[in-house]
Amino acid sequence: MTETKTSENRPSETRNGIIGRPIDRIDGPLKVTGGATYAYENALEGTAFGYILGAAVAKGRIAEIDTAEAERAPAVLLVMTHRNAPAQPDFGPAVTPTVPEVFTRARPALNSERVRYYDEPVALVVAETFEAARAAAGLIRVRYDEEPGVYDLSGHMADAYAPKRTNAGFETDSVIGDFESAFAAAPVKIDATYRTPFEHHNPMEPHATLAAWSGNELTIHTSA
C-alpha cells in the first residue's frame, strides 16, 4: 500500500480570492481619462530640467565640441560634456557573477570623447525650463572624426556578443549546431527570407525622474 500525500495548491486556492480573478487595475480609470498624476507632473520648487544631445554618428570620436553659445543662452545652468563630467569607471565586467551584466556593470555617460553608437549622449544641458535646455542643446557644435561602423550583422555573427546569463540571471543554454548539414538532410525544406519592422515601445507615461533633497533625505518621483 502506498500513501499519497495531498497538498494544497496555494496560488490557485489562495484564501484572499485574488489570484485567477479578473481584477481591475485601481489606476486604470485615472489613466484612460487623463487624470493620473505622472512623475513628470509633480511640481517641485526650484526644479531644473535636463536635455541630452546625442551623437550624430554611429562610431568615432569627438574631435571638437563648442558649448560657448549654449552656455550663454538664457536660463541655462550647466552644459556638461566629457570635458567636465564627473569621473566614472569605464565599461567593465559584471559586479556580481549572479546577476546579468546589463544590470551590474558600469555604464558611464560623457566619460570620454569616444562614440560607440548613434545618439550616444555627447552633452547634457541643464536649464530652468525644459524648453530652454532643448533650445540651448541646439546651439552646441560638434565635429566628429567618423570611423567605419558595423550596420549588418549577417557578416559579423562570429564577433557578436554572447551573454553568459539571461536577464533573470540564469546561465544561457543555447546550443549552436551545424545548420547547413541539418537543412541539407531535411526531408522537407522551406527556404524563405522574412523581414519584420522595428518595434517601438509607446508607454502611456513619459519617461521622467524628479529628485529633490530635503536635508539628508532624497525623494525621487520616477516613471514605473
N, C-alpha and C. Protein backbone atom coordinates (compact mmCIF):
# COMPACT_ATOMS: atom_id res chain seq x y z
N MET A 1 0.85 -1.19 0.00
CA MET A 1 0.00 0.00 0.00
C MET A 1 0.88 1.24 0.00
N THR A 2 0.55 2.16 -0.86
CA THR A 2 1.33 3.39 -0.95
C THR A 2 0.48 4.58 -0.53
N GLU A 3 1.00 5.33 0.38
CA GLU A 3 0.26 6.50 0.84
C GLU A 3 0.59 7.70 -0.04
N THR A 4 -0.42 8.33 -0.54
CA THR A 4 -0.23 9.52 -1.37
C THR A 4 -0.55 10.76 -0.56
N LYS A 5 0.41 11.62 -0.43
CA LYS A 5 0.22 12.83 0.36
C LYS A 5 -0.43 13.91 -0.50
N THR A 6 -1.50 14.45 0.00
CA THR A 6 -2.17 15.53 -0.73
C THR A 6 -1.68 16.87 -0.21
N SER A 7 -1.60 17.82 -1.10
CA SER A 7 -1.15 19.15 -0.70
C SER A 7 -2.00 20.20 -1.40
N GLU A 8 -2.07 21.35 -0.81
CA GLU A 8 -2.84 22.44 -1.38
C GLU A 8 -2.03 23.17 -2.45
N ASN A 9 -2.71 23.62 -3.45
CA ASN A 9 -2.09 24.47 -4.46
C ASN A 9 -2.32 25.91 -4.02
N ARG A 10 -1.37 26.44 -3.31
CA ARG A 10 -1.56 27.75 -2.71
C ARG A 10 -1.92 28.85 -3.71
N PRO A 11 -1.23 28.94 -4.87
CA PRO A 11 -1.56 30.03 -5.79
C PRO A 11 -3.00 30.00 -6.27
N SER A 12 -3.52 28.78 -6.58
CA SER A 12 -4.88 28.70 -7.14
C SER A 12 -5.95 28.61 -6.07
N GLU A 13 -5.57 28.27 -4.83
CA GLU A 13 -6.55 28.13 -3.77
C GLU A 13 -6.32 29.16 -2.67
N THR A 14 -5.74 30.28 -3.07
CA THR A 14 -5.44 31.30 -2.08
C THR A 14 -6.70 31.79 -1.39
N ARG A 15 -6.59 32.06 -0.11
CA ARG A 15 -7.76 32.41 0.69
C ARG A 15 -8.29 33.82 0.37
N ASN A 16 -7.44 34.68 -0.20
CA ASN A 16 -7.94 36.03 -0.44
C ASN A 16 -8.74 36.15 -1.73
N GLY A 17 -8.75 35.10 -2.55
CA GLY A 17 -9.58 35.09 -3.74
C GLY A 17 -9.15 36.05 -4.83
N ILE A 18 -7.90 36.47 -4.83
CA ILE A 18 -7.43 37.44 -5.83
C ILE A 18 -6.87 36.75 -7.06
N ILE A 19 -5.96 35.78 -6.84
CA ILE A 19 -5.29 35.12 -7.96
C ILE A 19 -6.30 34.36 -8.80
N GLY A 20 -6.24 34.57 -10.09
CA GLY A 20 -7.14 33.89 -11.00
C GLY A 20 -8.41 34.66 -11.32
N ARG A 21 -8.64 35.77 -10.62
CA ARG A 21 -9.84 36.57 -10.87
C ARG A 21 -9.49 37.80 -11.70
N PRO A 22 -10.40 38.23 -12.59
CA PRO A 22 -10.15 39.42 -13.40
C PRO A 22 -10.34 40.69 -12.58
N ILE A 23 -9.26 41.12 -11.93
CA ILE A 23 -9.34 42.30 -11.07
C ILE A 23 -8.95 43.54 -11.87
N ASP A 24 -9.74 44.58 -11.79
CA ASP A 24 -9.43 45.83 -12.47
C ASP A 24 -8.24 46.52 -11.80
N ARG A 25 -7.43 47.18 -12.62
CA ARG A 25 -6.34 47.98 -12.08
C ARG A 25 -6.94 49.21 -11.40
N ILE A 26 -6.49 49.49 -10.19
CA ILE A 26 -7.07 50.61 -9.46
C ILE A 26 -6.74 51.95 -10.11
N ASP A 27 -5.65 51.99 -10.90
CA ASP A 27 -5.29 53.25 -11.55
C ASP A 27 -5.78 53.32 -12.99
N GLY A 28 -6.50 52.28 -13.44
CA GLY A 28 -6.96 52.25 -14.82
C GLY A 28 -7.84 53.42 -15.21
N PRO A 29 -8.94 53.68 -14.47
CA PRO A 29 -9.81 54.81 -14.85
C PRO A 29 -9.08 56.15 -14.88
N LEU A 30 -8.16 56.37 -13.93
CA LEU A 30 -7.42 57.63 -13.92
C LEU A 30 -6.54 57.77 -15.16
N LYS A 31 -5.92 56.66 -15.56
CA LYS A 31 -5.01 56.74 -16.71
C LYS A 31 -5.75 56.96 -18.02
N VAL A 32 -6.83 56.23 -18.23
CA VAL A 32 -7.53 56.34 -19.51
C VAL A 32 -8.31 57.63 -19.63
N THR A 33 -8.57 58.31 -18.51
CA THR A 33 -9.27 59.59 -18.57
C THR A 33 -8.33 60.78 -18.47
N GLY A 34 -7.03 60.50 -18.36
CA GLY A 34 -6.06 61.59 -18.28
C GLY A 34 -5.96 62.22 -16.92
N GLY A 35 -6.49 61.57 -15.91
CA GLY A 35 -6.48 62.15 -14.57
C GLY A 35 -5.34 61.69 -13.70
N ALA A 36 -4.55 60.72 -14.15
CA ALA A 36 -3.45 60.20 -13.33
C ALA A 36 -2.31 61.21 -13.26
N THR A 37 -1.68 61.28 -12.12
CA THR A 37 -0.52 62.15 -11.95
C THR A 37 0.75 61.35 -12.24
N TYR A 38 1.45 61.75 -13.27
CA TYR A 38 2.69 61.06 -13.63
C TYR A 38 3.87 61.73 -12.93
N ALA A 39 4.99 61.04 -12.93
CA ALA A 39 6.17 61.55 -12.23
C ALA A 39 6.54 62.94 -12.71
N TYR A 40 6.43 63.16 -14.02
CA TYR A 40 6.83 64.44 -14.60
C TYR A 40 5.96 65.59 -14.11
N GLU A 41 4.75 65.28 -13.66
CA GLU A 41 3.80 66.33 -13.30
C GLU A 41 3.88 66.76 -11.84
N ASN A 42 4.77 66.17 -11.07
CA ASN A 42 4.94 66.60 -9.69
C ASN A 42 5.66 67.96 -9.68
N ALA A 43 5.03 68.95 -9.09
CA ALA A 43 5.60 70.29 -9.06
C ALA A 43 6.53 70.43 -7.86
N LEU A 44 7.82 70.52 -8.13
CA LEU A 44 8.82 70.68 -7.09
C LEU A 44 9.47 72.06 -7.23
N GLU A 45 9.59 72.76 -6.14
CA GLU A 45 10.16 74.11 -6.18
C GLU A 45 11.62 74.06 -6.61
N GLY A 46 11.98 74.94 -7.53
CA GLY A 46 13.37 75.03 -7.97
C GLY A 46 13.80 73.91 -8.89
N THR A 47 12.87 73.26 -9.56
CA THR A 47 13.21 72.15 -10.45
C THR A 47 14.06 72.63 -11.63
N ALA A 48 15.13 71.91 -11.92
CA ALA A 48 15.95 72.15 -13.10
C ALA A 48 15.67 71.02 -14.10
N PHE A 49 15.80 71.34 -15.37
CA PHE A 49 15.46 70.39 -16.42
C PHE A 49 16.69 70.08 -17.27
N GLY A 50 16.83 68.82 -17.64
CA GLY A 50 17.97 68.41 -18.45
C GLY A 50 17.55 67.98 -19.85
N TYR A 51 18.42 68.23 -20.81
CA TYR A 51 18.19 67.79 -22.19
C TYR A 51 19.49 67.19 -22.71
N ILE A 52 19.40 65.98 -23.26
CA ILE A 52 20.58 65.25 -23.73
C ILE A 52 20.75 65.45 -25.22
N LEU A 53 21.97 65.80 -25.63
CA LEU A 53 22.32 65.89 -27.05
C LEU A 53 23.00 64.59 -27.44
N GLY A 54 22.46 63.92 -28.45
CA GLY A 54 23.00 62.64 -28.89
C GLY A 54 23.97 62.78 -30.04
N ALA A 55 24.85 61.79 -30.19
CA ALA A 55 25.85 61.80 -31.26
C ALA A 55 25.18 61.67 -32.61
N ALA A 56 25.72 62.39 -33.59
CA ALA A 56 25.19 62.36 -34.95
C ALA A 56 25.85 61.29 -35.81
N VAL A 57 26.82 60.57 -35.24
CA VAL A 57 27.49 59.49 -35.97
C VAL A 57 27.37 58.22 -35.15
N ALA A 58 27.59 57.08 -35.81
CA ALA A 58 27.44 55.79 -35.14
C ALA A 58 28.73 55.32 -34.48
N LYS A 59 29.87 55.78 -34.98
CA LYS A 59 31.14 55.36 -34.40
C LYS A 59 32.20 56.39 -34.73
N GLY A 60 33.06 56.65 -33.76
CA GLY A 60 34.14 57.61 -34.00
C GLY A 60 34.55 58.27 -32.70
N ARG A 61 35.01 59.51 -32.81
CA ARG A 61 35.42 60.27 -31.64
C ARG A 61 35.05 61.73 -31.84
N ILE A 62 34.88 62.41 -30.73
CA ILE A 62 34.58 63.84 -30.77
C ILE A 62 35.89 64.59 -30.96
N ALA A 63 36.08 65.18 -32.12
CA ALA A 63 37.30 65.93 -32.39
C ALA A 63 37.23 67.32 -31.78
N GLU A 64 36.03 67.90 -31.76
CA GLU A 64 35.87 69.25 -31.23
C GLU A 64 34.42 69.44 -30.82
N ILE A 65 34.20 70.09 -29.69
CA ILE A 65 32.85 70.40 -29.23
C ILE A 65 32.86 71.81 -28.67
N ASP A 66 31.98 72.66 -29.20
CA ASP A 66 31.91 74.06 -28.81
C ASP A 66 30.58 74.31 -28.09
N THR A 67 30.68 74.61 -26.81
CA THR A 67 29.48 74.82 -26.00
C THR A 67 29.31 76.26 -25.56
N ALA A 68 30.16 77.16 -26.05
CA ALA A 68 30.16 78.54 -25.57
C ALA A 68 28.81 79.22 -25.78
N GLU A 69 28.24 79.09 -26.96
CA GLU A 69 26.96 79.75 -27.24
C GLU A 69 25.85 79.16 -26.39
N ALA A 70 25.88 77.85 -26.18
CA ALA A 70 24.86 77.22 -25.34
C ALA A 70 24.97 77.68 -23.90
N GLU A 71 26.19 77.87 -23.41
CA GLU A 71 26.38 78.30 -22.03
C GLU A 71 25.89 79.72 -21.82
N ARG A 72 25.89 80.54 -22.87
CA ARG A 72 25.42 81.92 -22.76
C ARG A 72 23.91 82.04 -22.97
N ALA A 73 23.25 80.97 -23.34
CA ALA A 73 21.82 81.01 -23.64
C ALA A 73 21.02 81.32 -22.37
N PRO A 74 19.86 81.95 -22.51
CA PRO A 74 19.03 82.31 -21.35
C PRO A 74 18.61 81.09 -20.53
N ALA A 75 18.66 81.26 -19.21
CA ALA A 75 18.17 80.27 -18.25
C ALA A 75 19.00 79.00 -18.17
N VAL A 76 20.14 78.95 -18.84
CA VAL A 76 20.99 77.75 -18.80
C VAL A 76 21.80 77.75 -17.51
N LEU A 77 21.81 76.63 -16.82
CA LEU A 77 22.54 76.48 -15.57
C LEU A 77 23.85 75.74 -15.74
N LEU A 78 23.88 74.79 -16.67
CA LEU A 78 25.08 73.96 -16.84
C LEU A 78 25.06 73.30 -18.20
N VAL A 79 26.23 73.22 -18.82
CA VAL A 79 26.42 72.41 -20.02
C VAL A 79 27.52 71.41 -19.71
N MET A 80 27.18 70.14 -19.67
CA MET A 80 28.14 69.10 -19.30
C MET A 80 28.52 68.27 -20.51
N THR A 81 29.82 68.04 -20.68
CA THR A 81 30.35 67.17 -21.72
C THR A 81 31.39 66.26 -21.10
N HIS A 82 32.10 65.50 -21.93
CA HIS A 82 33.14 64.63 -21.38
C HIS A 82 34.29 65.42 -20.76
N ARG A 83 34.34 66.73 -21.06
CA ARG A 83 35.43 67.54 -20.53
C ARG A 83 35.20 67.97 -19.08
N ASN A 84 33.95 68.04 -18.64
CA ASN A 84 33.69 68.49 -17.26
C ASN A 84 32.76 67.56 -16.48
N ALA A 85 32.47 66.39 -17.02
CA ALA A 85 31.61 65.43 -16.32
C ALA A 85 32.37 64.79 -15.16
N PRO A 86 31.68 64.35 -14.12
CA PRO A 86 32.34 63.66 -13.00
C PRO A 86 33.05 62.40 -13.49
N ALA A 87 34.14 62.06 -12.83
CA ALA A 87 34.89 60.86 -13.20
C ALA A 87 34.03 59.62 -13.00
N GLN A 88 34.10 58.70 -13.95
CA GLN A 88 33.30 57.48 -13.90
C GLN A 88 34.15 56.31 -14.36
N PRO A 89 33.85 55.11 -13.88
CA PRO A 89 34.56 53.93 -14.38
C PRO A 89 34.16 53.63 -15.80
N ASP A 90 35.05 53.00 -16.54
CA ASP A 90 34.76 52.64 -17.92
C ASP A 90 33.87 51.40 -17.94
N PHE A 91 33.36 51.08 -19.14
CA PHE A 91 32.58 49.86 -19.28
C PHE A 91 33.40 48.68 -18.77
N GLY A 92 32.81 47.84 -17.94
CA GLY A 92 33.56 46.74 -17.39
C GLY A 92 32.72 45.51 -17.20
N PRO A 93 33.29 44.47 -16.58
CA PRO A 93 32.55 43.22 -16.36
C PRO A 93 31.51 43.39 -15.27
N ALA A 94 30.69 42.37 -15.11
CA ALA A 94 29.63 42.40 -14.11
C ALA A 94 30.23 42.53 -12.72
N VAL A 95 29.55 43.30 -11.87
CA VAL A 95 29.99 43.46 -10.50
C VAL A 95 29.79 42.17 -9.71
N THR A 96 28.70 41.48 -9.97
CA THR A 96 28.42 40.21 -9.31
C THR A 96 28.16 39.13 -10.35
N PRO A 97 28.67 37.93 -10.17
CA PRO A 97 28.51 36.89 -11.20
C PRO A 97 27.11 36.29 -11.26
N THR A 98 26.24 36.63 -10.31
CA THR A 98 24.92 36.01 -10.29
C THR A 98 23.84 36.86 -10.94
N VAL A 99 24.19 38.07 -11.36
CA VAL A 99 23.22 38.98 -11.98
C VAL A 99 23.73 39.37 -13.36
N PRO A 100 22.86 39.49 -14.35
CA PRO A 100 23.31 39.82 -15.71
C PRO A 100 24.14 41.10 -15.75
N GLU A 101 25.11 41.11 -16.66
CA GLU A 101 26.00 42.26 -16.78
C GLU A 101 25.24 43.54 -17.10
N VAL A 102 24.14 43.41 -17.85
CA VAL A 102 23.42 44.60 -18.26
C VAL A 102 22.92 45.40 -17.07
N PHE A 103 22.75 44.73 -15.91
CA PHE A 103 22.24 45.42 -14.73
C PHE A 103 23.35 45.82 -13.76
N THR A 104 24.52 45.23 -13.85
CA THR A 104 25.51 45.43 -12.81
C THR A 104 26.83 46.03 -13.28
N ARG A 105 27.11 46.02 -14.55
CA ARG A 105 28.38 46.59 -14.97
C ARG A 105 28.27 48.10 -15.12
N ALA A 106 29.40 48.78 -15.07
CA ALA A 106 29.41 50.23 -15.20
C ALA A 106 28.91 50.64 -16.58
N ARG A 107 28.04 51.64 -16.59
CA ARG A 107 27.53 52.18 -17.85
C ARG A 107 27.74 53.69 -17.82
N PRO A 108 28.97 54.13 -18.04
CA PRO A 108 29.28 55.56 -17.93
C PRO A 108 28.65 56.38 -19.04
N ALA A 109 28.45 57.65 -18.76
CA ALA A 109 27.94 58.60 -19.76
C ALA A 109 28.84 59.83 -19.74
N LEU A 110 29.16 60.32 -20.93
CA LEU A 110 30.01 61.51 -21.06
C LEU A 110 31.36 61.31 -20.39
N ASN A 111 31.91 60.10 -20.48
CA ASN A 111 33.18 59.84 -19.80
C ASN A 111 34.38 59.89 -20.73
N SER A 112 34.17 60.03 -22.05
CA SER A 112 35.30 60.11 -22.98
C SER A 112 34.82 60.70 -24.29
N GLU A 113 35.77 60.95 -25.18
CA GLU A 113 35.42 61.51 -26.49
C GLU A 113 34.99 60.43 -27.47
N ARG A 114 35.02 59.16 -27.06
CA ARG A 114 34.64 58.07 -27.94
C ARG A 114 33.12 58.04 -28.16
N VAL A 115 32.73 57.70 -29.38
CA VAL A 115 31.33 57.49 -29.72
C VAL A 115 31.17 56.03 -30.11
N ARG A 116 30.35 55.30 -29.37
CA ARG A 116 30.20 53.86 -29.59
C ARG A 116 28.96 53.50 -30.39
N TYR A 117 27.97 54.39 -30.39
CA TYR A 117 26.73 54.09 -31.12
C TYR A 117 26.02 55.41 -31.44
N TYR A 118 25.14 55.34 -32.42
CA TYR A 118 24.40 56.53 -32.83
C TYR A 118 23.51 57.04 -31.70
N ASP A 119 23.49 58.33 -31.51
CA ASP A 119 22.69 59.00 -30.50
C ASP A 119 23.22 58.79 -29.08
N GLU A 120 24.45 58.30 -28.95
CA GLU A 120 25.05 58.22 -27.61
C GLU A 120 25.19 59.63 -27.05
N PRO A 121 24.88 59.84 -25.78
CA PRO A 121 24.95 61.20 -25.22
C PRO A 121 26.35 61.80 -25.37
N VAL A 122 26.41 63.01 -25.90
CA VAL A 122 27.68 63.74 -26.01
C VAL A 122 27.64 65.03 -25.19
N ALA A 123 26.45 65.44 -24.76
CA ALA A 123 26.33 66.65 -23.93
C ALA A 123 25.01 66.61 -23.18
N LEU A 124 25.01 67.25 -22.02
CA LEU A 124 23.80 67.41 -21.20
C LEU A 124 23.65 68.88 -20.88
N VAL A 125 22.51 69.44 -21.23
CA VAL A 125 22.21 70.84 -20.93
C VAL A 125 21.19 70.88 -19.80
N VAL A 126 21.50 71.64 -18.76
CA VAL A 126 20.59 71.82 -17.62
C VAL A 126 20.15 73.27 -17.60
N ALA A 127 18.85 73.49 -17.52
CA ALA A 127 18.31 74.85 -17.54
C ALA A 127 17.10 74.96 -16.63
N GLU A 128 16.60 76.18 -16.50
CA GLU A 128 15.46 76.43 -15.62
C GLU A 128 14.15 75.90 -16.20
N THR A 129 14.09 75.71 -17.51
CA THR A 129 12.92 75.12 -18.15
C THR A 129 13.38 74.09 -19.17
N PHE A 130 12.49 73.16 -19.49
CA PHE A 130 12.83 72.15 -20.49
C PHE A 130 13.05 72.79 -21.85
N GLU A 131 12.22 73.77 -22.18
CA GLU A 131 12.34 74.43 -23.48
C GLU A 131 13.67 75.15 -23.62
N ALA A 132 14.13 75.78 -22.54
CA ALA A 132 15.42 76.47 -22.58
C ALA A 132 16.57 75.48 -22.75
N ALA A 133 16.48 74.34 -22.07
CA ALA A 133 17.52 73.32 -22.20
C ALA A 133 17.56 72.76 -23.61
N ARG A 134 16.41 72.50 -24.18
CA ARG A 134 16.35 71.96 -25.55
C ARG A 134 16.88 72.97 -26.56
N ALA A 135 16.51 74.24 -26.41
CA ALA A 135 16.98 75.26 -27.33
C ALA A 135 18.49 75.43 -27.25
N ALA A 136 19.04 75.40 -26.05
CA ALA A 136 20.48 75.56 -25.88
C ALA A 136 21.24 74.37 -26.45
N ALA A 137 20.66 73.18 -26.34
CA ALA A 137 21.32 72.00 -26.91
C ALA A 137 21.50 72.14 -28.41
N GLY A 138 20.58 72.83 -29.06
CA GLY A 138 20.69 73.05 -30.49
C GLY A 138 21.78 74.02 -30.87
N LEU A 139 22.36 74.71 -29.89
CA LEU A 139 23.44 75.66 -30.15
C LEU A 139 24.82 75.03 -30.02
N ILE A 140 24.88 73.80 -29.55
CA ILE A 140 26.17 73.12 -29.39
C ILE A 140 26.67 72.65 -30.75
N ARG A 141 27.93 72.89 -31.03
CA ARG A 141 28.54 72.50 -32.29
C ARG A 141 29.56 71.39 -32.03
N VAL A 142 29.38 70.27 -32.72
CA VAL A 142 30.26 69.11 -32.53
C VAL A 142 30.85 68.71 -33.87
N ARG A 143 32.16 68.49 -33.87
CA ARG A 143 32.84 67.96 -35.07
C ARG A 143 33.38 66.58 -34.72
N TYR A 144 33.07 65.61 -35.56
CA TYR A 144 33.43 64.23 -35.30
C TYR A 144 34.51 63.74 -36.26
N ASP A 145 35.36 62.87 -35.78
CA ASP A 145 36.22 62.06 -36.64
C ASP A 145 35.51 60.72 -36.77
N GLU A 146 34.76 60.57 -37.85
CA GLU A 146 33.92 59.39 -38.01
C GLU A 146 34.74 58.18 -38.43
N GLU A 147 34.36 57.02 -37.91
CA GLU A 147 35.02 55.76 -38.23
C GLU A 147 34.01 54.79 -38.84
N PRO A 148 34.48 53.81 -39.61
CA PRO A 148 33.55 52.84 -40.20
C PRO A 148 32.82 52.05 -39.11
N GLY A 149 31.55 51.89 -39.28
CA GLY A 149 30.76 51.14 -38.31
C GLY A 149 30.25 49.84 -38.90
N VAL A 150 29.64 49.04 -38.07
CA VAL A 150 29.05 47.77 -38.50
C VAL A 150 27.54 47.93 -38.47
N TYR A 151 26.91 47.81 -39.63
CA TYR A 151 25.47 48.04 -39.74
C TYR A 151 24.73 46.81 -40.24
N ASP A 152 25.43 45.72 -40.48
CA ASP A 152 24.81 44.49 -40.96
C ASP A 152 25.42 43.32 -40.21
N LEU A 153 24.62 42.68 -39.36
CA LEU A 153 25.14 41.60 -38.53
C LEU A 153 25.40 40.32 -39.30
N SER A 154 24.85 40.21 -40.50
CA SER A 154 24.95 38.94 -41.23
C SER A 154 26.40 38.52 -41.46
N GLY A 155 27.29 39.46 -41.64
CA GLY A 155 28.68 39.10 -41.88
C GLY A 155 29.56 39.19 -40.65
N HIS A 156 28.94 39.40 -39.49
CA HIS A 156 29.72 39.58 -38.27
C HIS A 156 29.18 38.74 -37.11
N MET A 157 28.46 37.68 -37.42
CA MET A 157 27.89 36.87 -36.35
C MET A 157 28.94 36.22 -35.48
N ALA A 158 30.10 35.92 -36.07
CA ALA A 158 31.16 35.29 -35.27
C ALA A 158 31.68 36.22 -34.19
N ASP A 159 31.53 37.53 -34.40
CA ASP A 159 32.00 38.51 -33.42
C ASP A 159 30.88 39.05 -32.54
N ALA A 160 29.67 38.54 -32.71
CA ALA A 160 28.53 39.05 -31.96
C ALA A 160 28.68 38.75 -30.47
N TYR A 161 28.16 39.65 -29.66
CA TYR A 161 28.22 39.48 -28.21
C TYR A 161 27.32 38.34 -27.77
N ALA A 162 27.84 37.44 -26.99
CA ALA A 162 27.08 36.30 -26.48
C ALA A 162 27.05 36.38 -24.96
N PRO A 163 25.94 36.82 -24.37
CA PRO A 163 25.87 36.94 -22.91
C PRO A 163 25.96 35.58 -22.24
N LYS A 164 26.58 35.56 -21.07
CA LYS A 164 26.70 34.32 -20.32
C LYS A 164 25.45 34.04 -19.49
N ARG A 165 24.67 35.09 -19.23
CA ARG A 165 23.47 34.91 -18.43
C ARG A 165 22.30 35.67 -19.06
N THR A 166 21.10 35.21 -18.75
CA THR A 166 19.90 35.87 -19.26
C THR A 166 19.53 37.02 -18.34
N ASN A 167 18.45 37.73 -18.71
CA ASN A 167 18.01 38.85 -17.89
C ASN A 167 17.63 38.43 -16.47
N ALA A 168 17.17 37.19 -16.32
CA ALA A 168 16.78 36.71 -15.00
C ALA A 168 17.97 36.21 -14.19
N GLY A 169 19.16 36.20 -14.78
CA GLY A 169 20.34 35.76 -14.06
C GLY A 169 20.71 34.32 -14.27
N PHE A 170 19.94 33.59 -15.09
CA PHE A 170 20.24 32.19 -15.34
C PHE A 170 21.28 32.06 -16.45
N GLU A 171 22.07 31.00 -16.37
CA GLU A 171 23.06 30.76 -17.40
C GLU A 171 22.38 30.42 -18.72
N THR A 172 22.93 30.93 -19.80
CA THR A 172 22.36 30.63 -21.11
C THR A 172 22.66 29.18 -21.49
N ASP A 173 21.74 28.57 -22.22
CA ASP A 173 21.90 27.16 -22.60
C ASP A 173 21.74 26.99 -24.11
N SER A 174 22.08 28.01 -24.87
CA SER A 174 21.96 27.92 -26.33
C SER A 174 22.95 26.90 -26.88
N VAL A 175 22.46 26.11 -27.82
CA VAL A 175 23.31 25.13 -28.49
C VAL A 175 23.31 25.46 -29.98
N ILE A 176 24.47 25.74 -30.51
CA ILE A 176 24.60 26.09 -31.92
C ILE A 176 25.15 24.89 -32.67
N GLY A 177 24.34 24.34 -33.55
CA GLY A 177 24.76 23.17 -34.31
C GLY A 177 25.15 23.52 -35.73
N ASP A 178 25.15 22.50 -36.59
CA ASP A 178 25.51 22.66 -38.00
C ASP A 178 24.23 22.78 -38.81
N PHE A 179 23.78 24.01 -39.00
CA PHE A 179 22.51 24.23 -39.69
C PHE A 179 22.56 23.75 -41.14
N GLU A 180 23.64 24.04 -41.84
CA GLU A 180 23.72 23.70 -43.26
C GLU A 180 23.56 22.20 -43.47
N SER A 181 24.23 21.40 -42.63
CA SER A 181 24.13 19.94 -42.77
C SER A 181 22.73 19.46 -42.44
N ALA A 182 22.15 20.00 -41.36
CA ALA A 182 20.81 19.58 -40.96
C ALA A 182 19.78 19.98 -42.01
N PHE A 183 19.94 21.15 -42.58
CA PHE A 183 18.99 21.62 -43.59
C PHE A 183 19.09 20.80 -44.86
N ALA A 184 20.33 20.45 -45.23
CA ALA A 184 20.52 19.65 -46.44
C ALA A 184 19.92 18.26 -46.30
N ALA A 185 19.93 17.71 -45.09
CA ALA A 185 19.41 16.36 -44.86
C ALA A 185 17.92 16.33 -44.55
N ALA A 186 17.30 17.48 -44.40
CA ALA A 186 15.88 17.52 -44.05
C ALA A 186 15.02 17.02 -45.20
N PRO A 187 14.01 16.18 -44.93
CA PRO A 187 13.14 15.67 -46.00
C PRO A 187 12.24 16.75 -46.60
N VAL A 188 11.91 17.76 -45.82
CA VAL A 188 11.08 18.87 -46.29
C VAL A 188 11.82 20.17 -46.01
N LYS A 189 11.91 21.03 -47.02
CA LYS A 189 12.65 22.27 -46.86
C LYS A 189 11.78 23.46 -47.24
N ILE A 190 11.84 24.49 -46.45
CA ILE A 190 11.22 25.77 -46.77
C ILE A 190 12.30 26.83 -46.66
N ASP A 191 12.63 27.43 -47.76
CA ASP A 191 13.70 28.42 -47.80
C ASP A 191 13.09 29.77 -48.15
N ALA A 192 13.04 30.66 -47.19
CA ALA A 192 12.43 31.97 -47.41
C ALA A 192 13.11 33.01 -46.52
N THR A 193 12.98 34.24 -46.89
CA THR A 193 13.54 35.35 -46.12
C THR A 193 12.39 36.18 -45.56
N TYR A 194 12.41 36.38 -44.26
CA TYR A 194 11.36 37.16 -43.60
C TYR A 194 11.98 38.42 -43.00
N ARG A 195 11.32 39.51 -43.18
CA ARG A 195 11.78 40.77 -42.59
C ARG A 195 10.64 41.36 -41.76
N THR A 196 10.98 41.78 -40.56
CA THR A 196 9.97 42.37 -39.69
C THR A 196 10.36 43.81 -39.39
N PRO A 197 9.40 44.69 -39.24
CA PRO A 197 9.70 46.10 -38.95
C PRO A 197 10.17 46.27 -37.52
N PHE A 198 10.81 47.39 -37.26
CA PHE A 198 11.22 47.71 -35.91
C PHE A 198 9.99 47.92 -35.04
N GLU A 199 10.11 47.52 -33.79
CA GLU A 199 9.04 47.76 -32.83
C GLU A 199 9.45 48.90 -31.92
N HIS A 200 8.53 49.79 -31.67
CA HIS A 200 8.81 50.93 -30.79
C HIS A 200 7.82 50.92 -29.63
N HIS A 201 8.36 50.93 -28.44
CA HIS A 201 7.52 50.90 -27.25
C HIS A 201 6.95 52.29 -27.00
N ASN A 202 5.65 52.38 -26.91
CA ASN A 202 4.99 53.66 -26.65
C ASN A 202 4.31 53.62 -25.28
N PRO A 203 5.02 53.99 -24.24
CA PRO A 203 4.43 53.93 -22.91
C PRO A 203 3.37 55.00 -22.71
N MET A 204 2.40 54.70 -21.88
CA MET A 204 1.37 55.69 -21.57
C MET A 204 1.98 56.83 -20.76
N GLU A 205 2.94 56.50 -19.91
CA GLU A 205 3.59 57.53 -19.10
C GLU A 205 4.95 57.88 -19.69
N PRO A 206 5.25 59.15 -19.90
CA PRO A 206 6.57 59.51 -20.45
C PRO A 206 7.67 59.21 -19.44
N HIS A 207 8.84 58.85 -19.94
CA HIS A 207 9.97 58.57 -19.06
C HIS A 207 10.41 59.87 -18.38
N ALA A 208 10.48 59.85 -17.07
CA ALA A 208 10.89 61.04 -16.33
C ALA A 208 11.27 60.65 -14.92
N THR A 209 12.20 61.40 -14.35
CA THR A 209 12.60 61.21 -12.96
C THR A 209 12.83 62.58 -12.33
N LEU A 210 12.20 62.82 -11.20
CA LEU A 210 12.41 64.05 -10.44
C LEU A 210 13.03 63.68 -9.11
N ALA A 211 14.09 64.38 -8.74
CA ALA A 211 14.77 64.11 -7.48
C ALA A 211 14.88 65.40 -6.68
N ALA A 212 14.63 65.32 -5.38
CA ALA A 212 14.67 66.51 -4.53
C ALA A 212 15.27 66.16 -3.17
N TRP A 213 16.26 66.95 -2.77
CA TRP A 213 16.87 66.77 -1.46
C TRP A 213 16.11 67.60 -0.42
N SER A 214 15.95 67.03 0.77
CA SER A 214 15.42 67.73 1.92
C SER A 214 16.28 67.34 3.11
N GLY A 215 17.28 68.15 3.39
CA GLY A 215 18.26 67.76 4.40
C GLY A 215 19.05 66.57 3.92
N ASN A 216 19.02 65.50 4.70
CA ASN A 216 19.72 64.27 4.31
C ASN A 216 18.81 63.27 3.62
N GLU A 217 17.58 63.66 3.35
CA GLU A 217 16.63 62.76 2.71
C GLU A 217 16.46 63.11 1.24
N LEU A 218 16.45 62.09 0.40
CA LEU A 218 16.27 62.27 -1.03
C LEU A 218 14.95 61.63 -1.44
N THR A 219 14.07 62.42 -2.04
CA THR A 219 12.79 61.93 -2.54
C THR A 219 12.86 61.86 -4.06
N ILE A 220 12.49 60.71 -4.62
CA ILE A 220 12.55 60.50 -6.06
C ILE A 220 11.16 60.16 -6.58
N HIS A 221 10.71 60.89 -7.57
CA HIS A 221 9.49 60.57 -8.31
C HIS A 221 9.93 60.07 -9.68
N THR A 222 9.59 58.85 -10.01
CA THR A 222 10.05 58.29 -11.27
C THR A 222 8.94 57.49 -11.95
N SER A 223 9.03 57.40 -13.26
CA SER A 223 8.04 56.64 -14.01
C SER A 223 8.25 55.16 -13.77
N ALA A 224 7.17 54.40 -13.78
CA ALA A 224 7.25 52.98 -13.48
C ALA A 224 7.85 52.21 -14.64
